[in-house]
Amino acid sequence: MTLPDTDSIIFYDIPSSVPGSAWSPNTWKTRFALNYKGIPYRTEWVEYTEIASLLTSLGVEASPSPISFTLPAIYDPRTGTAMMDSLKIARYLDETYPDTPVLLPPDTRVFQHAFQDALLSAVHMKLIPLLICACVTKLNPPSEAYFREAREVTFGCTVEELSPPEKRPEQWDAVEKGFGVLASWVETAGDDRLLLTGGGPAGDASRVRHADISIAGLLIWVRAIYGEESEEWRRVKSFDGGRWKRFLDFFEQWADTSR
């Protein structure tokens, strides 16, 4: 393929009908990272049906997981490097652009990698049954069909059956408990911090890490899919005394979708 003549990183994201188009919690991790670091980039929107062929053409190695190619991904024309996976991208950005704020300091990498599994178990997996069906309605037709089919194969049921109306109160209770577990981890520090690594109750931009961005990605996913004025988002931002509203409010400074 012919790559664009540009010095800016190309960031590959999945389009949708939500305001600003960005919606995926996973691609938001890399969008937050690029915005936080102030690295020039531009977004190329890629439907689900085009991801595998695009990443193959860029020379990205397939993942051994059931889904071989996923987004986020980037192509950096300065180094000729293409890669997928938000953690790998964050480490690459730290090492290639050392004059930008660091997201994965070497002495935190073990913790931050482990935190991804902890966050998945505590919160992300609790959100999936509720969010999957709502996501389908926000995708463009090619991605909608692909997304639906892939998830129905994975879960062995229709996306609608993941969260029937009679189960939703119980599922939302599980989400609230999951966020409560997450809050309890942060509160063990005993200093009223907002971010995982400190910085006080108001947050400190110098203390932002990839793990914090992962939480912000989940929060903005809920807000994007359900809408700013939705009952679902109002519920989430009320959890734990409004902690998660304050958390996402802090990250709004890096939530630019214009590029």
C-alpha atoms as a PDB file:
ATOM      1  CA  MET A   1       0.000   0.000   0.000  1.00  0.00           C
ATOM      2  CA  THR A   2       1.033   3.635  -0.457  1.00  0.00           C
ATOM      3  CA  LEU A   3       1.446   5.364   2.875  1.00  0.00           C
ATOM      4  CA  PRO A   4       0.539   9.048   3.242  1.00  0.00           C
ATOM      5  CA  ASP A   5       3.336  11.595   3.011  1.00  0.00           C
ATOM      6  CA  THR A   6       3.183  13.055   6.502  1.00  0.00           C
ATOM      7  CA  ASP A   7       5.290  13.501   9.611  1.00  0.00           C
ATOM      8  CA  SER A   8       2.318  12.898  11.868  1.00  0.00           C
ATOM      9  CA  ILE A   9       1.496   9.559  13.409  1.00  0.00           C
ATOM     10  CA  ILE A  10      -1.534   7.906  11.837  1.00  0.00           C
ATOM     11  CA  PHE A  11      -3.899   6.663  14.509  1.00  0.00           C
ATOM     12  CA  TYR A  12      -6.444   4.053  13.440  1.00  0.00           C
ATOM     13  CA  ASP A  13      -9.834   4.207  15.155  1.00  0.00           C
ATOM     14  CA  ILE A  14     -13.306   2.730  14.571  1.00  0.00           C
ATOM     15  CA  PRO A  15     -16.025   5.161  13.432  1.00  0.00           C
ATOM     16  CA  SER A  16     -19.507   5.452  14.883  1.00  0.00           C
ATOM     17  CA  SER A  17     -22.480   7.793  15.028  1.00  0.00           C
ATOM     18  CA  VAL A  18     -21.650   9.194  18.493  1.00  0.00           C
ATOM     19  CA  PRO A  19     -20.534  12.847  18.703  1.00  0.00           C
ATOM     20  CA  GLY A  20     -16.898  13.015  17.644  1.00  0.00           C
ATOM     21  CA  SER A  21     -17.185   9.425  16.338  1.00  0.00           C
ATOM     22  CA  ALA A  22     -14.728   8.026  18.952  1.00  0.00           C
ATOM     23  CA  TRP A  23     -16.378   5.478  21.244  1.00  0.00           C
ATOM     24  CA  SER A  24     -14.237   2.380  21.869  1.00  0.00           C
ATOM     25  CA  PRO A  25     -12.660   2.117  25.342  1.00  0.00           C
ATOM     26  CA  ASN A  26      -9.613   0.476  23.799  1.00  0.00           C
ATOM     27  CA  THR A  27      -8.922   3.014  21.079  1.00  0.00           C
ATOM     28  CA  TRP A  28      -9.605   5.812  23.556  1.00  0.00           C
ATOM     29  CA  LYS A  29      -6.548   4.640  25.503  1.00  0.00           C
ATOM     30  CA  THR A  30      -4.320   5.533  22.560  1.00  0.00           C
ATOM     31  CA  ARG A  31      -6.212   8.726  21.730  1.00  0.00           C
ATOM     32  CA  PHE A  32      -5.774   9.870  25.328  1.00  0.00           C
ATOM     33  CA  ALA A  33      -2.088   8.902  25.181  1.00  0.00           C
ATOM     34  CA  LEU A  34      -1.395  10.887  22.010  1.00  0.00           C
ATOM     35  CA  ASN A  35      -3.314  13.920  23.247  1.00  0.00           C
ATOM     36  CA  TYR A  36      -1.662  13.747  26.679  1.00  0.00           C
ATOM     37  CA  LYS A  37       1.793  13.560  25.172  1.00  0.00           C
ATOM     38  CA  GLY A  38       1.078  16.284  22.609  1.00  0.00           C
ATOM     39  CA  ILE A  39       2.409  14.180  19.742  1.00  0.00           C
ATOM     40  CA  PRO A  40       1.110  15.254  16.294  1.00  0.00           C
ATOM     41  CA  TYR A  41      -1.233  12.688  14.783  1.00  0.00           C
ATOM     42  CA  ARG A  42      -4.230  12.323  12.573  1.00  0.00           C
ATOM     43  CA  THR A  43      -7.054   9.803  12.781  1.00  0.00           C
ATOM     44  CA  GLU A  44      -7.873   7.382  10.011  1.00  0.00           C
ATOM     45  CA  TRP A  45     -11.265   5.791  10.564  1.00  0.00           C
ATOM     46  CA  VAL A  46     -11.393   2.074   9.814  1.00  0.00           C
ATOM     47  CA  GLU A  47     -14.494  -0.113   9.749  1.00  0.00           C
ATOM     48  CA  TYR A  48     -14.243  -3.477  11.522  1.00  0.00           C
ATOM     49  CA  THR A  49     -14.349  -5.273   8.181  1.00  0.00           C
ATOM     50  CA  GLU A  50     -11.179  -3.466   7.036  1.00  0.00           C
ATOM     51  CA  ILE A  51      -8.993  -3.854  10.135  1.00  0.00           C
ATOM     52  CA  ALA A  52      -7.336  -7.183   9.265  1.00  0.00           C
ATOM     53  CA  SER A  53      -6.424  -6.221   5.703  1.00  0.00           C
ATOM     54  CA  LEU A  54      -5.132  -2.806   6.785  1.00  0.00           C
ATOM     55  CA  LEU A  55      -2.908  -4.124   9.569  1.00  0.00           C
ATOM     56  CA  THR A  56      -1.646  -6.974   7.403  1.00  0.00           C
ATOM     57  CA  SER A  57      -0.676  -4.469   4.710  1.00  0.00           C
ATOM     58  CA  LEU A  58       1.193  -2.436   7.337  1.00  0.00           C
ATOM     59  CA  GLY A  59       3.148  -5.509   8.406  1.00  0.00           C
ATOM     60  CA  VAL A  60       1.620  -5.726  11.888  1.00  0.00           C
ATOM     61  CA  GLU A  61       2.094  -9.162  13.422  1.00  0.00           C
ATOM     62  CA  ALA A  62      -1.135 -11.012  14.168  1.00  0.00           C
ATOM     63  CA  SER A  63      -2.075 -11.584  17.801  1.00  0.00           C
ATOM     64  CA  PRO A  64      -2.231 -15.188  19.057  1.00  0.00           C
ATOM     65  CA  SER A  65      -5.614 -14.363  20.650  1.00  0.00           C
ATOM     66  CA  PRO A  66      -8.890 -15.406  18.939  1.00  0.00           C
ATOM     67  CA  ILE A  67      -9.131 -11.957  17.312  1.00  0.00           C
ATOM     68  CA  SER A  68      -5.928 -11.706  15.271  1.00  0.00           C
ATOM     69  CA  PHE A  69      -6.094  -8.006  14.449  1.00  0.00           C
ATOM     70  CA  THR A  70      -7.617  -5.253  16.561  1.00  0.00           C
ATOM     71  CA  LEU A  71      -7.532  -1.516  17.053  1.00  0.00           C
ATOM     72  CA  PRO A  72      -6.053   0.712  18.345  1.00  0.00           C
ATOM     73  CA  ALA A  73      -3.122   0.726  15.979  1.00  0.00           C
ATOM     74  CA  ILE A  74      -0.697   3.362  14.800  1.00  0.00           C
ATOM     75  CA  TYR A  75       1.716   3.926  11.926  1.00  0.00           C
ATOM     76  CA  ASP A  76       4.637   6.268  12.622  1.00  0.00           C
ATOM     77  CA  PRO A  77       6.150   7.567   9.364  1.00  0.00           C
ATOM     78  CA  ARG A  78       9.192   8.953  11.219  1.00  0.00           C
ATOM     79  CA  THR A  79      10.355   5.443  12.070  1.00  0.00           C
ATOM     80  CA  GLY A  80       8.338   3.319   9.635  1.00  0.00           C
ATOM     81  CA  THR A  81       6.805   1.517  12.613  1.00  0.00           C
ATOM     82  CA  ALA A  82       3.294   0.062  12.721  1.00  0.00           C
ATOM     83  CA  MET A  83       1.803  -1.692  15.746  1.00  0.00           C
ATOM     84  CA  MET A  84      -1.416  -2.493  17.576  1.00  0.00           C
ATOM     85  CA  ASP A  85      -2.337  -2.852  21.280  1.00  0.00           C
ATOM     86  CA  SER A  86      -2.598   0.191  23.539  1.00  0.00           C
ATOM     87  CA  LEU A  87       0.045  -0.967  26.032  1.00  0.00           C
ATOM     88  CA  LYS A  88       2.597  -1.635  23.308  1.00  0.00           C
ATOM     89  CA  ILE A  89       1.762   1.690  21.701  1.00  0.00           C
ATOM     90  CA  ALA A  90       2.160   3.569  24.989  1.00  0.00           C
ATOM     91  CA  ARG A  91       5.571   1.986  25.591  1.00  0.00           C
ATOM     92  CA  TYR A  92       6.635   2.777  22.018  1.00  0.00           C
ATOM     93  CA  LEU A  93       5.562   6.410  22.397  1.00  0.00           C
ATOM     94  CA  ASP A  94       7.445   6.699  25.707  1.00  0.00           C
ATOM     95  CA  GLU A  95      10.634   5.299  24.202  1.00  0.00           C
ATOM     96  CA  THR A  96      10.464   7.018  20.813  1.00  0.00           C
ATOM     97  CA  TYR A  97       9.392  10.421  22.142  1.00  0.00           C
ATOM     98  CA  PRO A  98      11.258  10.647  25.467  1.00  0.00           C
ATOM     99  CA  ASP A  99      10.676  14.396  25.779  1.00  0.00           C
ATOM    100  CA  THR A 100       6.938  13.818  26.243  1.00  0.00           C
ATOM    101  CA  PRO A 101       5.218  12.886  29.553  1.00  0.00           C
ATOM    102  CA  VAL A 102       5.809   9.235  30.390  1.00  0.00           C
ATOM    103  CA  LEU A 103       2.901   6.797  30.733  1.00  0.00           C
ATOM    104  CA  LEU A 104       4.755   3.579  31.516  1.00  0.00           C
ATOM    105  CA  PRO A 105       7.784   4.324  33.696  1.00  0.00           C
ATOM    106  CA  PRO A 106       9.949   1.177  33.713  1.00  0.00           C
ATOM    107  CA  ASP A 107       9.493   0.604  37.438  1.00  0.00           C
ATOM    108  CA  THR A 108       5.693   0.581  37.046  1.00  0.00           C
ATOM    109  CA  ARG A 109       5.352  -1.666  34.002  1.00  0.00           C
ATOM    110  CA  VAL A 110       4.739  -4.878  35.953  1.00  0.00           C
ATOM    111  CA  PHE A 111       2.030  -3.179  38.011  1.00  0.00           C
ATOM    112  CA  GLN A 112       0.431  -1.527  35.009  1.00  0.00           C
ATOM    113  CA  HIS A 113       0.322  -4.722  32.961  1.00  0.00           C
ATOM    114  CA  ALA A 114      -1.234  -6.585  35.892  1.00  0.00           C
ATOM    115  CA  PHE A 115      -3.704  -3.765  36.420  1.00  0.00           C
ATOM    116  CA  GLN A 116      -5.183  -4.357  32.959  1.00  0.00           C
ATOM    117  CA  ASP A 117      -6.359  -7.816  34.048  1.00  0.00           C
ATOM    118  CA  ALA A 118      -7.585  -6.481  37.385  1.00  0.00           C
ATOM    119  CA  LEU A 119      -9.593  -3.715  35.710  1.00  0.00           C
ATOM    120  CA  LEU A 120     -10.999  -6.169  33.181  1.00  0.00           C
ATOM    121  CA  SER A 121     -12.226  -8.461  35.946  1.00  0.00           C
ATOM    122  CA  ALA A 122     -13.501  -5.787  38.335  1.00  0.00           C
ATOM    123  CA  VAL A 123     -15.259  -3.432  35.926  1.00  0.00           C
ATOM    124  CA  HIS A 124     -14.869  -4.017  32.201  1.00  0.00           C
ATOM    125  CA  MET A 125     -16.428  -7.486  32.129  1.00  0.00           C
ATOM    126  CA  LYS A 126     -19.355  -6.192  34.191  1.00  0.00           C
ATOM    127  CA  LEU A 127     -20.024  -3.459  31.618  1.00  0.00           C
ATOM    128  CA  ILE A 128     -19.817  -5.671  28.548  1.00  0.00           C
ATOM    129  CA  PRO A 129     -23.288  -7.301  28.731  1.00  0.00           C
ATOM    130  CA  LEU A 130     -24.913  -3.889  29.146  1.00  0.00           C
ATOM    131  CA  LEU A 131     -22.858  -2.029  26.551  1.00  0.00           C
ATOM    132  CA  ILE A 132     -22.568  -4.538  23.701  1.00  0.00           C
ATOM    133  CA  CYS A 133     -26.144  -4.235  22.466  1.00  0.00           C
ATOM    134  CA  ALA A 134     -26.046  -0.450  22.758  1.00  0.00           C
ATOM    135  CA  CYS A 135     -22.759  -0.337  20.813  1.00  0.00           C
ATOM    136  CA  VAL A 136     -24.308  -2.179  17.869  1.00  0.00           C
ATOM    137  CA  THR A 137     -26.791   0.643  17.322  1.00  0.00           C
ATOM    138  CA  LYS A 138     -23.996   3.239  17.111  1.00  0.00           C
ATOM    139  CA  LEU A 139     -21.863   1.527  14.463  1.00  0.00           C
ATOM    140  CA  ASN A 140     -21.954   2.036  10.711  1.00  0.00           C
ATOM    141  CA  PRO A 141     -23.644  -0.808   8.764  1.00  0.00           C
ATOM    142  CA  PRO A 142     -20.477  -2.742   7.756  1.00  0.00           C
ATOM    143  CA  SER A 143     -19.111  -2.654  11.304  1.00  0.00           C
ATOM    144  CA  GLU A 144     -22.515  -3.271  12.874  1.00  0.00           C
ATOM    145  CA  ALA A 145     -22.929  -6.610  11.072  1.00  0.00           C
ATOM    146  CA  TYR A 146     -19.345  -7.683  11.813  1.00  0.00           C
ATOM    147  CA  PHE A 147     -19.484  -6.628  15.460  1.00  0.00           C
ATOM    148  CA  ARG A 148     -22.809  -8.364  16.025  1.00  0.00           C
ATOM    149  CA  GLU A 149     -21.754 -11.629  14.401  1.00  0.00           C
ATOM    150  CA  ALA A 150     -18.380 -11.777  16.187  1.00  0.00           C
ATOM    151  CA  ARG A 151     -19.911 -11.132  19.607  1.00  0.00           C
ATOM    152  CA  GLU A 152     -22.744 -13.581  19.099  1.00  0.00           C
ATOM    153  CA  VAL A 153     -20.221 -16.295  18.207  1.00  0.00           C
ATOM    154  CA  THR A 154     -18.168 -15.411  21.295  1.00  0.00           C
ATOM    155  CA  PHE A 155     -21.096 -15.341  23.731  1.00  0.00           C
ATOM    156  CA  GLY A 156     -23.273 -18.005  22.111  1.00  0.00           C
ATOM    157  CA  CYS A 157     -26.394 -15.832  22.095  1.00  0.00           C
ATOM    158  CA  THR A 158     -27.769 -12.746  20.402  1.00  0.00           C
ATOM    159  CA  VAL A 159     -26.453  -9.418  21.639  1.00  0.00           C
ATOM    160  CA  GLU A 160     -29.966  -8.607  22.867  1.00  0.00           C
ATOM    161  CA  GLU A 161     -29.923 -11.707  25.068  1.00  0.00           C
ATOM    162  CA  LEU A 162     -26.809 -10.485  26.872  1.00  0.00           C
ATOM    163  CA  SER A 163     -28.832  -7.918  28.767  1.00  0.00           C
ATOM    164  CA  PRO A 164     -32.588  -8.588  28.762  1.00  0.00           C
ATOM    165  CA  PRO A 165     -34.638  -5.984  30.649  1.00  0.00           C
ATOM    166  CA  GLU A 166     -35.295  -8.277  33.607  1.00  0.00           C
ATOM    167  CA  LYS A 167     -31.550  -8.773  34.206  1.00  0.00           C
ATOM    168  CA  ARG A 168     -30.449  -5.150  33.922  1.00  0.00           C
ATOM    169  CA  PRO A 169     -31.020  -4.099  37.548  1.00  0.00           C
ATOM    170  CA  GLU A 170     -28.822  -6.969  38.704  1.00  0.00           C
ATOM    171  CA  GLN A 171     -26.229  -6.191  36.042  1.00  0.00           C
ATOM    172  CA  TRP A 172     -26.094  -2.529  37.000  1.00  0.00           C
ATOM    173  CA  ASP A 173     -25.683  -3.516  40.640  1.00  0.00           C
ATOM    174  CA  ALA A 174     -22.680  -5.607  39.591  1.00  0.00           C
ATOM    175  CA  VAL A 175     -21.219  -2.637  37.706  1.00  0.00           C
ATOM    176  CA  GLU A 176     -21.633  -0.406  40.757  1.00  0.00           C
ATOM    177  CA  LYS A 177     -19.948  -2.985  42.969  1.00  0.00           C
ATOM    178  CA  GLY A 178     -17.120  -3.299  40.436  1.00  0.00           C
ATOM    179  CA  PHE A 179     -16.474   0.426  40.477  1.00  0.00           C
ATOM    180  CA  GLY A 180     -16.622   0.245  44.264  1.00  0.00           C
ATOM    181  CA  VAL A 181     -13.830  -2.322  44.234  1.00  0.00           C
ATOM    182  CA  LEU A 182     -11.795  -0.057  41.963  1.00  0.00           C
ATOM    183  CA  ALA A 183     -12.401   2.901  44.288  1.00  0.00           C
ATOM    184  CA  SER A 184     -11.347   0.821  47.287  1.00  0.00           C
ATOM    185  CA  TRP A 185      -7.984   0.095  45.660  1.00  0.00           C
ATOM    186  CA  VAL A 186      -7.306   3.806  45.231  1.00  0.00           C
ATOM    187  CA  GLU A 187      -8.568   4.625  48.721  1.00  0.00           C
ATOM    188  CA  THR A 188      -6.050   2.294  50.364  1.00  0.00           C
ATOM    189  CA  ALA A 189      -3.498   5.087  49.819  1.00  0.00           C
ATOM    190  CA  GLY A 190      -5.375   7.111  52.449  1.00  0.00           C
ATOM    191  CA  ASP A 191      -4.631  10.483  50.861  1.00  0.00           C
ATOM    192  CA  ASP A 192      -7.841  11.230  48.927  1.00  0.00           C
ATOM    193  CA  ARG A 193      -6.010  10.922  45.613  1.00  0.00           C
ATOM    194  CA  LEU A 194      -7.864  10.988  42.291  1.00  0.00           C
ATOM    195  CA  LEU A 195      -5.282   9.159  40.182  1.00  0.00           C
ATOM    196  CA  LEU A 196      -3.784   5.767  40.904  1.00  0.00           C
ATOM    197  CA  THR A 197      -0.295   7.100  41.569  1.00  0.00           C
ATOM    198  CA  GLY A 198      -1.224  10.184  43.560  1.00  0.00           C
ATOM    199  CA  GLY A 199      -1.416  13.876  42.827  1.00  0.00           C
ATOM    200  CA  GLY A 200      -4.075  14.773  45.351  1.00  0.00           C
ATOM    201  CA  PRO A 201      -7.869  15.034  45.035  1.00  0.00           C
ATOM    202  CA  ALA A 202      -7.709  17.427  42.080  1.00  0.00           C
ATOM    203  CA  GLY A 203      -5.354  15.273  40.043  1.00  0.00           C
ATOM    204  CA  ASP A 204      -1.885  16.109  38.754  1.00  0.00           C
ATOM    205  CA  ALA A 205      -1.071  15.895  35.035  1.00  0.00           C
ATOM    206  CA  SER A 206       2.474  14.784  35.824  1.00  0.00           C
ATOM    207  CA  ARG A 207       1.125  11.681  37.602  1.00  0.00           C
ATOM    208  CA  VAL A 208      -1.057  10.322  34.783  1.00  0.00           C
ATOM    209  CA  ARG A 209      -0.189   6.756  33.832  1.00  0.00           C
ATOM    210  CA  HIS A 210      -1.526   4.287  31.283  1.00  0.00           C
ATOM    211  CA  ALA A 211      -3.561   2.591  34.023  1.00  0.00           C
ATOM    212  CA  ASP A 212      -5.408   5.867  34.665  1.00  0.00           C
ATOM    213  CA  ILE A 213      -6.052   6.251  30.945  1.00  0.00           C
ATOM    214  CA  SER A 214      -7.546   2.755  30.916  1.00  0.00           C
ATOM    215  CA  ILE A 215     -10.102   3.813  33.536  1.00  0.00           C
ATOM    216  CA  ALA A 216     -10.868   6.994  31.613  1.00  0.00           C
ATOM    217  CA  GLY A 217     -11.423   4.904  28.484  1.00  0.00           C
ATOM    218  CA  LEU A 218     -14.115   2.850  30.197  1.00  0.00           C
ATOM    219  CA  LEU A 219     -15.855   5.940  31.538  1.00  0.00           C
ATOM    220  CA  ILE A 220     -15.901   7.773  28.236  1.00  0.00           C
ATOM    221  CA  TRP A 221     -17.170   4.583  26.552  1.00  0.00           C
ATOM    222  CA  VAL A 222     -20.227   4.554  28.820  1.00  0.00           C
ATOM    223  CA  ARG A 223     -20.864   8.248  28.249  1.00  0.00           C
ATOM    224  CA  ALA A 224     -20.374   8.064  24.475  1.00  0.00           C
ATOM    225  CA  ILE A 225     -22.641   5.064  23.953  1.00  0.00           C
ATOM    226  CA  TYR A 226     -25.482   6.033  26.276  1.00  0.00           C
ATOM    227  CA  GLY A 227     -25.210   9.814  25.933  1.00  0.00           C
ATOM    228  CA  GLU A 228     -24.347  12.687  28.251  1.00  0.00           C
ATOM    229  CA  GLU A 229     -27.927  13.077  29.507  1.00  0.00           C
ATOM    230  CA  SER A 230     -28.760   9.391  29.799  1.00  0.00           C
ATOM    231  CA  GLU A 231     -29.911   7.709  32.981  1.00  0.00           C
ATOM    232  CA  GLU A 232     -27.070   5.203  32.589  1.00  0.00           C
ATOM    233  CA  TRP A 233     -24.344   7.840  32.529  1.00  0.00           C
ATOM    234  CA  ARG A 234     -25.928   9.768  35.395  1.00  0.00           C
ATOM    235  CA  ARG A 235     -25.851   6.551  37.389  1.00  0.00           C
ATOM    236  CA  VAL A 236     -22.188   5.813  36.697  1.00  0.00           C
ATOM    237  CA  LYS A 237     -21.028   9.324  37.481  1.00  0.00           C
ATOM    238  CA  SER A 238     -22.835   9.154  40.837  1.00  0.00           C
ATOM    239  CA  PHE A 239     -20.958   6.031  41.947  1.00  0.00           C
ATOM    240  CA  ASP A 240     -18.581   6.353  44.896  1.00  0.00           C
ATOM    241  CA  GLY A 241     -19.592   9.876  45.814  1.00  0.00           C
ATOM    242  CA  GLY A 242     -19.081  11.215  42.294  1.00  0.00           C
ATOM    243  CA  ARG A 243     -15.470   9.994  42.078  1.00  0.00           C
ATOM    244  CA  TRP A 244     -15.811   8.841  38.472  1.00  0.00           C
ATOM    245  CA  LYS A 245     -17.366  12.084  37.261  1.00  0.00           C
ATOM    246  CA  ARG A 246     -14.422  13.948  38.777  1.00  0.00           C
ATOM    247  CA  PHE A 247     -12.062  11.433  37.217  1.00  0.00           C
ATOM    248  CA  LEU A 248     -13.410  11.869  33.692  1.00  0.00           C
ATOM    249  CA  ASP A 249     -13.734  15.633  34.144  1.00  0.00           C
ATOM    250  CA  PHE A 250      -9.969  15.664  34.796  1.00  0.00           C
ATOM    251  CA  PHE A 251      -9.332  13.793  31.549  1.00  0.00           C
ATOM    252  CA  GLU A 252     -11.484  16.124  29.420  1.00  0.00           C
ATOM    253  CA  GLN A 253      -8.349  18.170  28.694  1.00  0.00           C
ATOM    254  CA  TRP A 254      -7.072  15.234  26.623  1.00  0.00           C
ATOM    255  CA  ALA A 255     -10.373  14.153  25.047  1.00  0.00           C
ATOM    256  CA  ASP A 256      -9.873  15.933  21.714  1.00  0.00           C
ATOM    257  CA  THR A 257     -11.466  14.094  18.775  1.00  0.00           C
ATOM    258  CA  SER A 258     -10.829  16.773  16.133  1.00  0.00           C
ATOM    259  CA  ARG A 259      -7.646  15.276  14.715  1.00  0.00           C
END
